[in-house]
Structures are given as C-alpha cells and as structure tokens.
Amino acid sequence: MEQEENKKKNDTRKRVNIGARTGMIAPVVSLGCTAIIAIHTYRQEVPFLWWLLIFFGSLAAFLFIGSILQTVVELAVERAIDREEEEKRLRELELLHAIEGAGEGEEGSETMGAATET
C-alpha cells in the first residue's frame, strides 16, 4: 500500500519535471514565429487593421502548432524516462539473479567438495 503511494508521488513528480522542462515550447514557438510575421507584414506597409488580423491569426495558428510540438516532445521524453527506468529495473533483477546464482554456486561447490572427500 505504501509503495503504491510512493509510486504515485514519483509519477506526479516526473510529470511535473517534464512539464517544467518542456512547458515553454508552445509560447516560444508562437511568439517567435508571430514576431517574424508581424515584422515582415509591418515592413510591407499593410493597413493597421489587416496587420492586427494577421498578427492575431498567426499567433493563434502558431500557438496551436507549438502545442502539438510540445505534446510530441513531452511524449518522447516520457518514453525515454520510462525506458531508462525499465533498463534500471532489469539491471537490478539481473544483479539479484547473479547474486542468488553465486550464492547457490558456493553452496553447491561445498556439498560437492564434501561428497568427494568422503
């Protein structure tokens, strides 16, 4: 019961850390791309109302694209973390089996030695 609660806490922490690392992808993409489009349309001397329409339209479009990109990156990071945890768990199991095997091998060699001495 206690292990399940600890696992849930670790999962929550992992998700928070992933969000903290990748949470700025959508705003950076949307603001950066919108700034480029806004400067370009401003230099073309587009009327102000059209410029505002282009600005907010591109902001919304790039925010959507950035959100998709952010989701893809979060999923990739989550898969990589899960893969690392699985490899760590497998290494621990292999080490445990190796230790158990070494313990059984020593016991087996002692009994074998006793059988040959008699």
Protein backbone atom coordinates (compact mmCIF):
# COMPACT_ATOMS: atom_id res chain seq x y z
CA MET A 1 0.00 0.00 0.00
CA GLU A 2 2.76 2.39 0.97
CA GLN A 3 4.77 1.51 -2.14
CA GLU A 4 1.81 2.36 -4.39
CA GLU A 5 1.53 5.81 -2.77
CA ASN A 6 5.26 6.41 -3.24
CA LYS A 7 4.99 5.32 -6.88
CA LYS A 8 2.10 7.74 -7.47
CA LYS A 9 4.11 10.56 -5.89
CA ASN A 10 7.11 9.74 -8.10
CA ASP A 11 4.90 9.68 -11.21
CA THR A 12 3.48 13.08 -10.29
CA ARG A 13 6.96 14.48 -9.71
CA LYS A 14 8.14 13.05 -13.02
CA ARG A 15 5.23 14.65 -14.88
CA VAL A 16 5.83 17.99 -13.17
CA ASN A 17 9.51 17.88 -14.11
CA ILE A 18 8.67 17.02 -17.70
CA GLY A 19 6.21 19.92 -17.82
CA ALA A 20 8.77 22.27 -16.34
CA ARG A 21 11.34 21.28 -18.94
CA THR A 22 9.09 21.44 -21.98
CA GLY A 23 6.36 23.82 -20.89
CA MET A 24 7.87 26.78 -22.71
CA ILE A 25 7.94 25.21 -26.17
CA ALA A 26 4.48 26.41 -27.30
CA PRO A 27 4.89 30.05 -26.15
CA VAL A 28 8.38 30.35 -27.60
CA VAL A 29 7.34 28.91 -30.97
CA SER A 30 4.20 31.05 -31.18
CA LEU A 31 5.86 34.31 -30.12
CA GLY A 32 8.96 33.79 -32.22
CA CYS A 33 7.14 32.92 -35.43
CA THR A 34 4.47 35.57 -34.88
CA ALA A 35 7.15 38.21 -34.33
CA ILE A 36 8.78 37.32 -37.64
CA ILE A 37 5.45 37.52 -39.49
CA ALA A 38 4.48 40.74 -37.69
CA ILE A 39 7.74 42.47 -38.62
CA HIS A 40 7.51 41.24 -42.20
CA THR A 41 3.91 42.47 -42.66
CA TYR A 42 4.73 45.77 -40.95
CA ARG A 43 7.56 46.43 -43.41
CA GLN A 44 5.18 45.74 -46.31
CA GLU A 45 3.09 48.66 -45.07
CA VAL A 46 -0.08 46.62 -44.62
CA PRO A 47 -3.01 48.65 -43.20
CA PHE A 48 -3.17 48.52 -39.40
CA LEU A 49 -6.42 46.54 -39.11
CA TRP A 50 -5.17 43.94 -41.58
CA TRP A 51 -1.88 43.84 -39.69
CA LEU A 52 -3.73 43.16 -36.42
CA LEU A 53 -5.79 40.44 -38.08
CA ILE A 54 -2.64 38.80 -39.49
CA PHE A 55 -0.88 39.17 -36.14
CA PHE A 56 -3.61 37.52 -34.03
CA GLY A 57 -4.32 34.88 -36.68
CA SER A 58 -0.69 33.88 -36.88
CA LEU A 59 -0.42 33.96 -33.07
CA ALA A 60 -3.33 31.52 -32.77
CA ALA A 61 -2.04 29.27 -35.56
CA PHE A 62 1.49 29.07 -34.19
CA LEU A 63 0.21 28.55 -30.65
CA PHE A 64 -1.68 25.51 -31.93
CA ILE A 65 1.38 24.24 -33.81
CA GLY A 66 3.57 24.86 -30.76
CA SER A 67 1.14 22.95 -28.54
CA ILE A 68 1.31 19.96 -30.87
CA LEU A 69 5.12 20.14 -30.90
CA GLN A 70 5.18 20.43 -27.11
CA THR A 71 2.97 17.34 -26.75
CA VAL A 72 5.20 15.34 -29.10
CA VAL A 73 8.33 16.34 -27.17
CA GLU A 74 6.70 15.51 -23.80
CA LEU A 75 5.71 12.07 -25.06
CA ALA A 76 9.22 11.41 -26.36
CA VAL A 77 10.78 12.49 -23.06
CA GLU A 78 8.30 10.39 -21.09
CA ARG A 79 9.07 7.32 -23.22
CA ALA A 80 12.81 7.86 -22.74
CA ILE A 81 12.39 8.13 -18.97
CA ASP A 82 10.23 5.00 -18.90
CA ARG A 83 12.80 3.15 -20.99
CA GLU A 84 15.60 4.18 -18.61
CA GLU A 85 13.58 3.07 -15.58
CA GLU A 86 12.83 -0.28 -17.23
CA GLU A 87 16.53 -0.81 -18.05
CA LYS A 88 17.47 0.07 -14.47
CA ARG A 89 14.89 -2.39 -13.12
CA LEU A 90 16.17 -5.13 -15.46
CA ARG A 91 19.77 -4.48 -14.39
CA GLU A 92 18.72 -4.76 -10.74
CA LEU A 93 16.93 -8.06 -11.47
CA GLU A 94 19.96 -9.42 -13.33
CA LEU A 95 22.21 -8.40 -10.44
CA LEU A 96 19.84 -10.05 -7.97
CA HIS A 97 19.78 -13.26 -10.02
CA ALA A 98 23.56 -13.16 -10.33
CA ILE A 99 23.93 -12.79 -6.55
CA GLU A 100 21.46 -15.62 -5.94
CA GLY A 101 23.23 -17.76 -8.52
CA ALA A 102 26.62 -17.08 -6.94
CA GLY A 103 25.25 -18.00 -3.51
CA GLU A 104 23.80 -21.24 -4.84
CA GLY A 105 27.05 -21.99 -6.67
CA GLU A 106 29.08 -21.68 -3.47
CA GLU A 107 26.69 -23.95 -1.58
CA GLY A 108 26.78 -26.43 -4.41
CA SER A 109 30.57 -26.46 -4.53
CA GLU A 110 30.77 -27.03 -0.76
CA THR A 111 28.45 -30.02 -0.98
CA MET A 112 30.33 -31.33 -3.99
CA GLY A 113 33.64 -30.99 -2.13
CA ALA A 114 32.21 -32.81 0.89
CA ALA A 115 30.97 -35.62 -1.32
CA THR A 116 34.36 -36.10 -2.97
CA GLU A 117 36.25 -36.11 0.36
CA THR A 118 34.26 -38.98 1.83
